[in-house]
Amino acid sequence: MAPSLTLYVDADFLSPYALSAFVALTEKAQSFEIRLVDLGAGEQRMQPYQHRAPTCRVPALTHDGFHLSESSAITEYLDELYPAPAHTALYPADRQQRARARQLQAWLRSDLGALRAERPTEHVFHAPTGRPLGDEAQAAANKLVRVAGLLLVPGQAQLFGDWSIADTELAVMIKRLAGDEAPDWLREYADAQWQRPAVQAWLEHNRSARA
C-alpha cells in the first residue's frame, strides 16, 4: 500500500525549507514518498505541481489528497497530525516557547537575505565558498550571532530543553558562517544538530543527488 504522505523537494536536495519538512516527517517516523522537482527546468511553475503549490516553491506536502506548501505550515500541520507523546514533538509544549520557536522560524525566513545570497546552501551542503563576506552579509552574520546568543548559552544542546524543528533551521543558518565568523561554541551547537539522524538522512540524499 502506497504511503498517504508525499513530500515534494528540489531535485538537488539543497533547499533549507525542504530540509525542514523532510526532517519533520522523518522525526515523526512516518512512511512517506519523496518526489523530486527540477527547479532548473522550471518544473515548479508547471502543472500539476503548480496545483499542489500555488506559490510555485518547494517543499510541498500531499496528504490523502490535501496539498500544502510553505515549510513552516507543513511542520505545524505534521505536529498536529502526529502529536506528542506518541510521536516526536516538533515544537515545544510550553505555549510561550512554542511561540518563540515560530518567531525564530519566521525571522530566519524573512531576514538575513544578504547572508543567504553570499552563502547559499551549496556552501552548507557542498564545499564552503572560502570568500569573505561583503559588508551587508557581514552585518547579517553579526546579527545572526547576536540573536543566537540571546537564545543559547555556550554548551546548551537545544534551544528549548528538548529538540525542536527550530534547532535544525537555526543550525542551517549558522552553517553558512565560516572561520571566525561565529564563536566556537555556536559552531559546536550547529555541528551537534547536524548529527541528528533525520538531518544525516537528508545529507545522504544530497550526496546521492551529486553522484
N, C-alpha and C. Protein backbone atom coordinates (compact mmCIF):
# COMPACT_ATOMS: atom_id res chain seq x y z
N MET A 1 0.85 -1.20 0.00
CA MET A 1 0.00 0.00 0.00
C MET A 1 0.88 1.24 0.00
N ALA A 2 0.62 2.18 -0.91
CA ALA A 2 1.45 3.37 -1.04
C ALA A 2 1.26 4.28 0.17
N PRO A 3 2.32 4.99 0.55
CA PRO A 3 2.18 5.93 1.67
C PRO A 3 1.15 7.01 1.36
N SER A 4 0.46 7.49 2.40
CA SER A 4 -0.53 8.55 2.20
C SER A 4 0.12 9.92 2.17
N LEU A 5 1.43 9.97 2.46
CA LEU A 5 2.16 11.23 2.52
C LEU A 5 3.19 11.29 1.39
N THR A 6 3.20 12.39 0.67
CA THR A 6 4.20 12.62 -0.36
C THR A 6 4.82 13.99 -0.13
N LEU A 7 6.14 14.03 -0.13
CA LEU A 7 6.86 15.28 0.05
C LEU A 7 7.58 15.62 -1.25
N TYR A 8 7.33 16.81 -1.75
CA TYR A 8 7.97 17.29 -2.97
C TYR A 8 9.13 18.20 -2.57
N VAL A 9 10.33 17.85 -3.04
CA VAL A 9 11.54 18.60 -2.69
C VAL A 9 12.31 18.90 -3.97
N ASP A 10 13.27 19.81 -3.88
CA ASP A 10 14.10 20.13 -5.03
C ASP A 10 14.99 18.94 -5.38
N ALA A 11 15.21 18.75 -6.65
CA ALA A 11 15.93 17.56 -7.11
C ALA A 11 17.37 17.52 -6.62
N ASP A 12 17.94 18.67 -6.28
CA ASP A 12 19.33 18.72 -5.81
C ASP A 12 19.44 18.58 -4.29
N PHE A 13 18.32 18.55 -3.60
CA PHE A 13 18.33 18.47 -2.13
C PHE A 13 19.17 19.59 -1.52
N LEU A 14 18.90 20.82 -1.99
CA LEU A 14 19.63 21.98 -1.50
C LEU A 14 18.74 22.96 -0.73
N SER A 15 17.44 22.85 -0.85
CA SER A 15 16.55 23.81 -0.21
C SER A 15 16.53 23.62 1.31
N PRO A 16 16.86 24.66 2.08
CA PRO A 16 16.78 24.52 3.54
C PRO A 16 15.35 24.35 4.02
N TYR A 17 14.39 24.82 3.23
CA TYR A 17 12.99 24.70 3.61
C TYR A 17 12.49 23.28 3.36
N ALA A 18 12.93 22.70 2.25
CA ALA A 18 12.63 21.29 2.01
C ALA A 18 13.29 20.41 3.07
N LEU A 19 14.50 20.76 3.47
CA LEU A 19 15.17 20.04 4.56
C LEU A 19 14.31 20.06 5.81
N SER A 20 13.77 21.20 6.16
CA SER A 20 12.95 21.31 7.37
C SER A 20 11.75 20.38 7.31
N ALA A 21 11.05 20.37 6.18
CA ALA A 21 9.89 19.49 6.05
C ALA A 21 10.30 18.02 6.06
N PHE A 22 11.41 17.71 5.41
CA PHE A 22 11.91 16.33 5.40
C PHE A 22 12.27 15.87 6.81
N VAL A 23 12.98 16.71 7.55
CA VAL A 23 13.35 16.36 8.92
C VAL A 23 12.08 16.17 9.76
N ALA A 24 11.10 17.04 9.58
CA ALA A 24 9.86 16.93 10.35
C ALA A 24 9.18 15.58 10.10
N LEU A 25 9.05 15.20 8.85
CA LEU A 25 8.42 13.92 8.52
C LEU A 25 9.23 12.75 9.06
N THR A 26 10.53 12.83 8.93
CA THR A 26 11.40 11.75 9.40
C THR A 26 11.32 11.62 10.92
N GLU A 27 11.31 12.74 11.62
CA GLU A 27 11.20 12.70 13.08
C GLU A 27 9.87 12.10 13.52
N LYS A 28 8.83 12.29 12.74
CA LYS A 28 7.52 11.73 13.08
C LYS A 28 7.45 10.23 12.78
N ALA A 29 8.51 9.68 12.18
CA ALA A 29 8.61 8.24 11.91
C ALA A 29 7.45 7.76 11.04
N GLN A 30 7.10 8.58 10.05
CA GLN A 30 6.04 8.20 9.13
C GLN A 30 6.63 7.78 7.79
N SER A 31 6.00 6.79 7.17
CA SER A 31 6.40 6.40 5.84
C SER A 31 5.91 7.46 4.85
N PHE A 32 6.80 7.94 3.99
CA PHE A 32 6.40 8.94 3.02
C PHE A 32 7.20 8.76 1.74
N GLU A 33 6.59 9.21 0.66
CA GLU A 33 7.22 9.16 -0.65
C GLU A 33 7.87 10.50 -0.95
N ILE A 34 9.05 10.48 -1.55
CA ILE A 34 9.73 11.70 -1.97
C ILE A 34 9.57 11.85 -3.48
N ARG A 35 9.11 13.00 -3.89
CA ARG A 35 9.03 13.33 -5.31
C ARG A 35 9.96 14.52 -5.58
N LEU A 36 10.73 14.43 -6.63
CA LEU A 36 11.70 15.46 -6.95
C LEU A 36 11.13 16.48 -7.93
N VAL A 37 11.45 17.74 -7.68
CA VAL A 37 11.01 18.84 -8.54
C VAL A 37 12.26 19.49 -9.13
N ASP A 38 12.36 19.52 -10.43
CA ASP A 38 13.52 20.08 -11.12
C ASP A 38 13.35 21.59 -11.21
N LEU A 39 13.94 22.32 -10.29
CA LEU A 39 13.81 23.77 -10.28
C LEU A 39 14.52 24.40 -11.47
N GLY A 40 15.63 23.79 -11.89
CA GLY A 40 16.37 24.33 -13.02
C GLY A 40 15.56 24.32 -14.31
N ALA A 41 14.71 23.33 -14.45
CA ALA A 41 13.87 23.22 -15.64
C ALA A 41 12.55 23.96 -15.48
N GLY A 42 12.36 24.59 -14.33
CA GLY A 42 11.12 25.34 -14.10
C GLY A 42 9.92 24.48 -13.80
N GLU A 43 10.14 23.24 -13.37
CA GLU A 43 9.02 22.33 -13.11
C GLU A 43 8.09 22.87 -12.04
N GLN A 44 8.61 23.72 -11.14
CA GLN A 44 7.79 24.26 -10.06
C GLN A 44 6.70 25.20 -10.57
N ARG A 45 6.87 25.68 -11.80
CA ARG A 45 5.87 26.59 -12.38
C ARG A 45 4.94 25.87 -13.34
N MET A 46 5.09 24.56 -13.45
CA MET A 46 4.27 23.78 -14.38
C MET A 46 3.19 23.02 -13.62
N GLN A 47 2.17 22.61 -14.36
CA GLN A 47 1.18 21.70 -13.81
C GLN A 47 1.72 20.29 -13.93
N PRO A 48 1.43 19.38 -12.98
CA PRO A 48 0.47 19.58 -11.89
C PRO A 48 1.06 20.17 -10.62
N TYR A 49 2.40 20.46 -10.60
CA TYR A 49 2.98 20.93 -9.34
C TYR A 49 2.37 22.26 -8.91
N GLN A 50 2.10 23.13 -9.86
CA GLN A 50 1.54 24.44 -9.51
C GLN A 50 0.19 24.30 -8.81
N HIS A 51 -0.53 23.24 -9.12
CA HIS A 51 -1.80 22.97 -8.42
C HIS A 51 -1.55 22.61 -6.96
N ARG A 52 -0.48 21.86 -6.73
CA ARG A 52 -0.16 21.45 -5.36
C ARG A 52 0.45 22.60 -4.56
N ALA A 53 1.21 23.45 -5.22
CA ALA A 53 1.89 24.55 -4.55
C ALA A 53 1.66 25.83 -5.35
N PRO A 54 0.59 26.56 -5.07
CA PRO A 54 0.28 27.77 -5.85
C PRO A 54 1.40 28.80 -5.83
N THR A 55 2.25 28.80 -4.79
CA THR A 55 3.37 29.74 -4.72
C THR A 55 4.55 29.29 -5.57
N CYS A 56 4.46 28.09 -6.14
CA CYS A 56 5.49 27.56 -7.06
C CYS A 56 6.84 27.42 -6.38
N ARG A 57 6.81 26.98 -5.13
CA ARG A 57 8.06 26.78 -4.40
C ARG A 57 8.06 25.41 -3.76
N VAL A 58 9.25 24.94 -3.40
CA VAL A 58 9.37 23.72 -2.62
C VAL A 58 9.66 24.12 -1.17
N PRO A 59 9.22 23.25 -0.25
CA PRO A 59 8.59 21.95 -0.43
C PRO A 59 7.07 22.08 -0.57
N ALA A 60 6.46 20.95 -0.88
CA ALA A 60 5.02 20.81 -0.83
C ALA A 60 4.72 19.43 -0.26
N LEU A 61 3.61 19.34 0.43
CA LEU A 61 3.19 18.08 1.05
C LEU A 61 1.82 17.71 0.53
N THR A 62 1.65 16.43 0.19
CA THR A 62 0.33 15.90 -0.14
C THR A 62 -0.02 14.83 0.89
N HIS A 63 -1.19 14.97 1.48
CA HIS A 63 -1.66 14.01 2.48
C HIS A 63 -3.10 13.66 2.17
N ASP A 64 -3.31 12.45 1.65
CA ASP A 64 -4.66 11.98 1.33
C ASP A 64 -5.44 13.00 0.50
N GLY A 65 -4.77 13.54 -0.52
CA GLY A 65 -5.44 14.47 -1.41
C GLY A 65 -5.41 15.92 -0.98
N PHE A 66 -4.90 16.19 0.21
CA PHE A 66 -4.76 17.56 0.70
C PHE A 66 -3.36 18.05 0.37
N HIS A 67 -3.27 19.22 -0.26
CA HIS A 67 -1.99 19.77 -0.68
C HIS A 67 -1.64 20.98 0.18
N LEU A 68 -0.38 21.04 0.60
CA LEU A 68 0.06 22.13 1.46
C LEU A 68 1.48 22.51 1.08
N SER A 69 1.72 23.81 0.95
CA SER A 69 3.08 24.30 0.70
C SER A 69 3.48 25.27 1.81
N GLU A 70 4.72 25.74 1.75
CA GLU A 70 5.37 26.57 2.76
C GLU A 70 5.78 25.70 3.95
N SER A 71 7.08 25.65 4.18
CA SER A 71 7.64 24.67 5.11
C SER A 71 7.16 24.82 6.53
N SER A 72 7.02 26.06 7.03
CA SER A 72 6.57 26.22 8.41
C SER A 72 5.12 25.77 8.56
N ALA A 73 4.31 25.97 7.55
CA ALA A 73 2.93 25.46 7.58
C ALA A 73 2.93 23.93 7.60
N ILE A 74 3.85 23.34 6.84
CA ILE A 74 3.95 21.88 6.79
C ILE A 74 4.36 21.32 8.15
N THR A 75 5.36 21.92 8.78
CA THR A 75 5.82 21.39 10.06
C THR A 75 4.75 21.53 11.14
N GLU A 76 4.02 22.64 11.13
CA GLU A 76 2.94 22.80 12.10
C GLU A 76 1.82 21.80 11.84
N TYR A 77 1.50 21.58 10.59
CA TYR A 77 0.46 20.60 10.24
C TYR A 77 0.85 19.20 10.72
N LEU A 78 2.10 18.82 10.47
CA LEU A 78 2.56 17.49 10.87
C LEU A 78 2.58 17.34 12.38
N ASP A 79 2.91 18.41 13.09
CA ASP A 79 2.94 18.32 14.54
C ASP A 79 1.55 18.13 15.12
N GLU A 80 0.54 18.67 14.47
CA GLU A 80 -0.84 18.46 14.90
C GLU A 80 -1.37 17.12 14.43
N LEU A 81 -0.93 16.68 13.25
CA LEU A 81 -1.41 15.41 12.69
C LEU A 81 -0.87 14.23 13.47
N TYR A 82 0.38 14.32 13.90
CA TYR A 82 1.03 13.24 14.66
C TYR A 82 1.56 13.81 15.97
N PRO A 83 0.68 14.02 16.94
CA PRO A 83 1.08 14.76 18.16
C PRO A 83 1.92 13.93 19.10
N ALA A 84 2.66 14.64 19.96
CA ALA A 84 3.36 14.02 21.07
C ALA A 84 2.32 13.63 22.13
N PRO A 85 2.60 12.66 22.99
CA PRO A 85 3.88 11.96 23.13
C PRO A 85 4.03 10.72 22.24
N ALA A 86 3.01 10.38 21.47
CA ALA A 86 3.13 9.20 20.62
C ALA A 86 4.18 9.40 19.53
N HIS A 87 4.41 10.66 19.16
CA HIS A 87 5.38 10.99 18.12
C HIS A 87 6.29 12.11 18.63
N THR A 88 7.47 12.19 18.06
CA THR A 88 8.41 13.25 18.43
C THR A 88 7.78 14.62 18.21
N ALA A 89 7.86 15.47 19.22
CA ALA A 89 7.33 16.83 19.10
C ALA A 89 8.26 17.67 18.24
N LEU A 90 7.68 18.45 17.35
CA LEU A 90 8.45 19.38 16.52
C LEU A 90 8.55 20.75 17.16
N TYR A 91 7.65 21.05 18.08
CA TYR A 91 7.61 22.34 18.75
C TYR A 91 7.52 22.12 20.26
N PRO A 92 7.99 23.10 21.05
CA PRO A 92 7.91 22.95 22.50
C PRO A 92 6.46 22.86 22.97
N ALA A 93 6.27 22.17 24.09
CA ALA A 93 4.93 22.05 24.67
C ALA A 93 4.47 23.35 25.30
N ASP A 94 5.39 24.10 25.89
CA ASP A 94 5.06 25.36 26.52
C ASP A 94 4.61 26.38 25.47
N ARG A 95 3.51 27.08 25.72
CA ARG A 95 2.94 28.00 24.75
C ARG A 95 3.92 29.10 24.36
N GLN A 96 4.58 29.70 25.33
CA GLN A 96 5.48 30.80 25.03
C GLN A 96 6.73 30.32 24.30
N GLN A 97 7.26 29.18 24.69
CA GLN A 97 8.40 28.64 23.96
C GLN A 97 8.02 28.26 22.54
N ARG A 98 6.79 27.72 22.38
CA ARG A 98 6.32 27.36 21.04
C ARG A 98 6.22 28.62 20.17
N ALA A 99 5.70 29.70 20.76
CA ALA A 99 5.63 30.97 20.03
C ALA A 99 7.03 31.46 19.68
N ARG A 100 7.98 31.29 20.59
CA ARG A 100 9.35 31.72 20.32
C ARG A 100 9.97 30.91 19.18
N ALA A 101 9.68 29.61 19.14
CA ALA A 101 10.19 28.78 18.05
C ALA A 101 9.63 29.25 16.72
N ARG A 102 8.34 29.57 16.68
CA ARG A 102 7.73 30.05 15.45
C ARG A 102 8.27 31.43 15.07
N GLN A 103 8.53 32.26 16.07
CA GLN A 103 9.13 33.56 15.81
C GLN A 103 10.49 33.39 15.15
N LEU A 104 11.28 32.47 15.67
CA LEU A 104 12.60 32.23 15.10
C LEU A 104 12.49 31.72 13.67
N GLN A 105 11.57 30.79 13.42
CA GLN A 105 11.36 30.30 12.06
C GLN A 105 11.02 31.45 11.11
N ALA A 106 10.09 32.30 11.52
CA ALA A 106 9.67 33.41 10.67
C ALA A 106 10.84 34.36 10.39
N TRP A 107 11.64 34.63 11.41
CA TRP A 107 12.77 35.54 11.24
C TRP A 107 13.82 34.96 10.29
N LEU A 108 14.13 33.69 10.44
CA LEU A 108 15.12 33.06 9.58
C LEU A 108 14.69 33.07 8.12
N ARG A 109 13.38 33.08 7.88
CA ARG A 109 12.88 33.10 6.51
C ARG A 109 12.81 34.51 5.92
N SER A 110 12.67 35.50 6.77
CA SER A 110 12.36 36.85 6.27
C SER A 110 13.52 37.82 6.36
N ASP A 111 14.59 37.47 7.05
CA ASP A 111 15.72 38.37 7.25
C ASP A 111 17.00 37.68 6.77
N LEU A 112 18.11 38.39 6.92
CA LEU A 112 19.44 37.84 6.62
C LEU A 112 19.62 37.51 5.14
N GLY A 113 18.91 38.23 4.29
CA GLY A 113 18.95 37.93 2.86
C GLY A 113 20.34 38.06 2.26
N ALA A 114 21.12 39.05 2.73
CA ALA A 114 22.46 39.23 2.17
C ALA A 114 23.36 38.05 2.50
N LEU A 115 23.18 37.49 3.70
CA LEU A 115 23.96 36.31 4.07
C LEU A 115 23.55 35.11 3.24
N ARG A 116 22.25 34.92 3.03
CA ARG A 116 21.79 33.80 2.21
C ARG A 116 22.29 33.93 0.78
N ALA A 117 22.34 35.17 0.27
CA ALA A 117 22.78 35.38 -1.11
C ALA A 117 24.25 35.05 -1.29
N GLU A 118 25.09 35.46 -0.34
CA GLU A 118 26.53 35.23 -0.47
C GLU A 118 26.95 33.84 -0.02
N ARG A 119 26.15 33.23 0.84
CA ARG A 119 26.45 31.88 1.30
C ARG A 119 25.23 30.99 1.07
N PRO A 120 24.97 30.64 -0.18
CA PRO A 120 23.84 29.76 -0.48
C PRO A 120 24.07 28.37 0.11
N THR A 121 23.09 27.53 -0.01
CA THR A 121 23.19 26.23 0.64
C THR A 121 24.21 25.31 -0.02
N GLU A 122 24.71 25.65 -1.20
CA GLU A 122 25.86 24.92 -1.72
C GLU A 122 27.03 25.04 -0.74
N HIS A 123 27.17 26.21 -0.12
CA HIS A 123 28.21 26.41 0.89
C HIS A 123 27.97 25.50 2.09
N VAL A 124 26.71 25.29 2.42
CA VAL A 124 26.35 24.48 3.60
C VAL A 124 26.51 22.99 3.30
N PHE A 125 25.97 22.53 2.19
CA PHE A 125 25.89 21.10 1.91
C PHE A 125 27.05 20.57 1.06
N HIS A 126 27.70 21.45 0.32
CA HIS A 126 28.80 21.03 -0.53
C HIS A 126 30.10 21.58 0.02
N ALA A 127 30.80 22.39 -0.76
CA ALA A 127 32.09 22.93 -0.32
C ALA A 127 31.92 24.40 0.07
N PRO A 128 32.51 24.82 1.19
CA PRO A 128 32.47 26.25 1.55
C PRO A 128 33.07 27.11 0.46
N THR A 129 32.52 28.31 0.30
CA THR A 129 32.98 29.19 -0.77
C THR A 129 34.40 29.69 -0.53
N GLY A 130 34.78 29.90 0.73
CA GLY A 130 36.11 30.40 1.02
C GLY A 130 36.27 31.89 0.84
N ARG A 131 35.22 32.57 0.36
CA ARG A 131 35.31 34.01 0.15
C ARG A 131 34.81 34.76 1.38
N PRO A 132 35.49 35.86 1.76
CA PRO A 132 34.99 36.64 2.89
C PRO A 132 33.67 37.31 2.55
N LEU A 133 32.89 37.60 3.57
CA LEU A 133 31.59 38.22 3.37
C LEU A 133 31.74 39.69 3.02
N GLY A 134 30.81 40.18 2.19
CA GLY A 134 30.72 41.61 1.95
C GLY A 134 30.13 42.32 3.15
N ASP A 135 30.08 43.63 3.09
CA ASP A 135 29.64 44.41 4.24
C ASP A 135 28.23 44.06 4.69
N GLU A 136 27.28 43.99 3.75
CA GLU A 136 25.89 43.70 4.13
C GLU A 136 25.76 42.28 4.68
N ALA A 137 26.43 41.33 4.05
CA ALA A 137 26.37 39.95 4.52
C ALA A 137 27.04 39.81 5.89
N GLN A 138 28.13 40.55 6.10
CA GLN A 138 28.79 40.51 7.39
C GLN A 138 27.90 41.09 8.49
N ALA A 139 27.19 42.15 8.15
CA ALA A 139 26.24 42.72 9.12
C ALA A 139 25.15 41.71 9.46
N ALA A 140 24.68 40.98 8.45
CA ALA A 140 23.67 39.94 8.69
C ALA A 140 24.25 38.82 9.55
N ALA A 141 25.51 38.45 9.28
CA ALA A 141 26.15 37.41 10.09
C ALA A 141 26.29 37.85 11.54
N ASN A 142 26.66 39.10 11.75
CA ASN A 142 26.77 39.62 13.11
C ASN A 142 25.43 39.60 13.82
N LYS A 143 24.38 39.93 13.08
CA LYS A 143 23.03 39.91 13.66
C LYS A 143 22.63 38.49 14.03
N LEU A 144 22.96 37.54 13.16
CA LEU A 144 22.65 36.14 13.44
C LEU A 144 23.34 35.68 14.72
N VAL A 145 24.62 35.99 14.86
CA VAL A 145 25.35 35.58 16.05
C VAL A 145 24.77 36.25 17.30
N ARG A 146 24.40 37.52 17.18
CA ARG A 146 23.84 38.22 18.32
C ARG A 146 22.52 37.61 18.77
N VAL A 147 21.64 37.34 17.81
CA VAL A 147 20.34 36.76 18.15
C VAL A 147 20.51 35.36 18.71
N ALA A 148 21.37 34.56 18.10
CA ALA A 148 21.62 33.21 18.61
C ALA A 148 22.14 33.26 20.04
N GLY A 149 22.97 34.27 20.34
CA GLY A 149 23.50 34.41 21.68
C GLY A 149 22.46 34.80 22.70
N LEU A 150 21.34 35.37 22.26
CA LEU A 150 20.24 35.67 23.16
C LEU A 150 19.40 34.44 23.48
N LEU A 151 19.47 33.46 22.60
CA LEU A 151 18.64 32.25 22.75
C LEU A 151 19.42 31.07 23.33
N LEU A 152 20.74 31.11 23.21
CA LEU A 152 21.58 29.99 23.62
C LEU A 152 22.72 30.49 24.49
N VAL A 153 23.21 29.62 25.34
CA VAL A 153 24.45 29.88 26.07
C VAL A 153 25.43 28.78 25.71
N PRO A 154 26.75 29.04 25.84
CA PRO A 154 27.72 28.00 25.49
C PRO A 154 27.44 26.68 26.19
N GLY A 155 27.45 25.61 25.41
CA GLY A 155 27.20 24.28 25.94
C GLY A 155 25.74 23.86 25.92
N GLN A 156 24.85 24.78 25.58
CA GLN A 156 23.43 24.44 25.52
C GLN A 156 23.16 23.60 24.28
N ALA A 157 22.50 22.45 24.46
CA ALA A 157 22.35 21.50 23.36
C ALA A 157 21.18 21.82 22.46
N GLN A 158 20.09 22.35 23.02
CA GLN A 158 18.89 22.69 22.24
C GLN A 158 18.35 24.03 22.71
N LEU A 159 17.56 24.65 21.86
CA LEU A 159 17.02 25.95 22.17
C LEU A 159 16.07 25.93 23.36
N PHE A 160 15.24 24.88 23.44
CA PHE A 160 14.15 24.88 24.40
C PHE A 160 14.16 23.66 25.31
N GLY A 161 15.33 23.17 25.64
CA GLY A 161 15.43 22.00 26.51
C GLY A 161 15.41 20.71 25.73
N ASP A 162 14.33 20.47 25.00
CA ASP A 162 14.24 19.33 24.09
C ASP A 162 14.39 19.83 22.66
N TRP A 163 14.78 18.93 21.77
CA TRP A 163 14.94 19.30 20.37
C TRP A 163 13.63 19.84 19.79
N SER A 164 13.75 20.79 18.90
CA SER A 164 12.61 21.26 18.11
C SER A 164 13.09 21.52 16.68
N ILE A 165 12.13 21.66 15.77
CA ILE A 165 12.49 21.91 14.37
C ILE A 165 13.23 23.24 14.23
N ALA A 166 13.02 24.15 15.18
CA ALA A 166 13.75 25.42 15.15
C ALA A 166 15.25 25.21 15.33
N ASP A 167 15.65 24.17 16.06
CA ASP A 167 17.08 23.86 16.20
C ASP A 167 17.69 23.53 14.84
N THR A 168 17.01 22.71 14.08
CA THR A 168 17.53 22.35 12.75
C THR A 168 17.64 23.58 11.86
N GLU A 169 16.62 24.42 11.88
CA GLU A 169 16.61 25.58 10.99
C GLU A 169 17.67 26.61 11.40
N LEU A 170 17.87 26.81 12.70
CA LEU A 170 18.92 27.71 13.15
C LEU A 170 20.29 27.16 12.78
N ALA A 171 20.47 25.85 12.91
CA ALA A 171 21.76 25.24 12.58
C ALA A 171 22.10 25.44 11.11
N VAL A 172 21.12 25.33 10.23
CA VAL A 172 21.39 25.54 8.80
C VAL A 172 21.92 26.95 8.57
N MET A 173 21.30 27.92 9.22
CA MET A 173 21.74 29.30 9.02
C MET A 173 23.14 29.51 9.60
N ILE A 174 23.41 28.94 10.75
CA ILE A 174 24.74 29.07 11.35
C ILE A 174 25.79 28.42 10.46
N LYS A 175 25.42 27.33 9.80
CA LYS A 175 26.36 26.64 8.91
C LYS A 175 26.79 27.49 7.71
N ARG A 176 26.10 28.59 7.48
CA ARG A 176 26.52 29.50 6.41
C ARG A 176 27.76 30.29 6.81
N LEU A 177 28.06 30.32 8.09
CA LEU A 177 29.21 31.08 8.58
C LEU A 177 30.47 30.23 8.51
N ALA A 178 31.59 30.88 8.40
CA ALA A 178 32.86 30.15 8.26
C ALA A 178 33.90 30.78 9.17
N GLY A 179 34.93 30.00 9.47
CA GLY A 179 36.08 30.51 10.21
C GLY A 179 35.69 31.18 11.51
N ASP A 180 36.17 32.41 11.69
CA ASP A 180 35.91 33.13 12.92
C ASP A 180 34.65 33.99 12.84
N GLU A 181 33.78 33.73 11.86
CA GLU A 181 32.53 34.50 11.75
C GLU A 181 31.53 34.13 12.84
N ALA A 182 31.76 33.01 13.52
CA ALA A 182 30.91 32.60 14.63
C ALA A 182 31.81 32.05 15.73
N PRO A 183 31.42 32.21 16.99
CA PRO A 183 32.23 31.65 18.08
C PRO A 183 32.21 30.13 18.04
N ASP A 184 33.25 29.53 18.60
CA ASP A 184 33.37 28.07 18.57
C ASP A 184 32.15 27.39 19.16
N TRP A 185 31.62 27.90 20.25
CA TRP A 185 30.51 27.22 20.92
C TRP A 185 29.26 27.21 20.04
N LEU A 186 29.09 28.24 19.21
CA LEU A 186 27.93 28.28 18.33
C LEU A 186 28.09 27.30 17.17
N ARG A 187 29.31 27.19 16.66
CA ARG A 187 29.56 26.19 15.61
C ARG A 187 29.39 24.78 16.17
N GLU A 188 29.79 24.58 17.42
CA GLU A 188 29.62 23.26 18.05
C GLU A 188 28.14 22.92 18.19
N TYR A 189 27.33 23.91 18.53
CA TYR A 189 25.87 23.69 18.59
C TYR A 189 25.35 23.25 17.23
N ALA A 190 25.74 23.97 16.17
CA ALA A 190 25.26 23.61 14.83
C ALA A 190 25.77 22.24 14.42
N ASP A 191 27.02 21.92 14.72
CA ASP A 191 27.57 20.61 14.38
C ASP A 191 26.81 19.49 15.08
N ALA A 192 26.42 19.72 16.33
CA ALA A 192 25.66 18.71 17.07
C ALA A 192 24.30 18.49 16.42
N GLN A 193 23.66 19.56 15.98
CA GLN A 193 22.36 19.42 15.29
C GLN A 193 22.53 18.64 13.99
N TRP A 194 23.67 18.80 13.35
CA TRP A 194 23.95 18.14 12.08
C TRP A 194 24.02 16.62 12.23
N GLN A 195 24.32 16.15 13.45
CA GLN A 195 24.45 14.72 13.68
C GLN A 195 23.12 14.03 13.92
N ARG A 196 22.05 14.79 14.01
CA ARG A 196 20.74 14.17 14.24
C ARG A 196 20.42 13.24 13.06
N PRO A 197 19.95 12.02 13.32
CA PRO A 197 19.74 11.07 12.23
C PRO A 197 18.88 11.59 11.09
N ALA A 198 17.86 12.38 11.40
CA ALA A 198 16.99 12.89 10.34
C ALA A 198 17.75 13.83 9.42
N VAL A 199 18.65 14.64 9.98
CA VAL A 199 19.48 15.53 9.15
C VAL A 199 20.47 14.72 8.34
N GLN A 200 21.07 13.70 8.96
CA GLN A 200 22.00 12.85 8.24
C GLN A 200 21.32 12.14 7.08
N ALA A 201 20.05 11.78 7.24
CA ALA A 201 19.32 11.14 6.14
C ALA A 201 19.17 12.11 4.96
N TRP A 202 18.90 13.38 5.26
CA TRP A 202 18.83 14.39 4.19
C TRP A 202 20.18 14.54 3.50
N LEU A 203 21.26 14.59 4.29
CA LEU A 203 22.59 14.74 3.71
C LEU A 203 22.95 13.57 2.81
N GLU A 204 22.47 12.39 3.15
CA GLU A 204 22.71 11.23 2.30
C GLU A 204 22.00 11.40 0.95
N HIS A 205 20.77 11.90 0.97
CA HIS A 205 20.06 12.21 -0.28
C HIS A 205 20.85 13.25 -1.08
N ASN A 206 21.37 14.26 -0.39
CA ASN A 206 22.14 15.30 -1.06
C ASN A 206 23.37 14.73 -1.74
N ARG A 207 24.07 13.82 -1.05
CA ARG A 207 25.25 13.20 -1.64
C ARG A 207 24.87 12.35 -2.86
N SER A 208 23.77 11.64 -2.76
CA SER A 208 23.33 10.80 -3.89
C SER A 208 22.94 11.66 -5.08
N ALA A 209 22.35 12.83 -4.83
CA ALA A 209 21.95 13.73 -5.93
C ALA A 209 23.17 14.25 -6.67
N ARG A 210 24.32 14.38 -5.99
CA ARG A 210 25.54 14.88 -6.62
C ARG A 210 26.30 13.79 -7.35
N ALA A 211 26.03 12.53 -7.00
CA ALA A 211 26.81 11.41 -7.54
C ALA A 211 26.55 11.24 -9.04
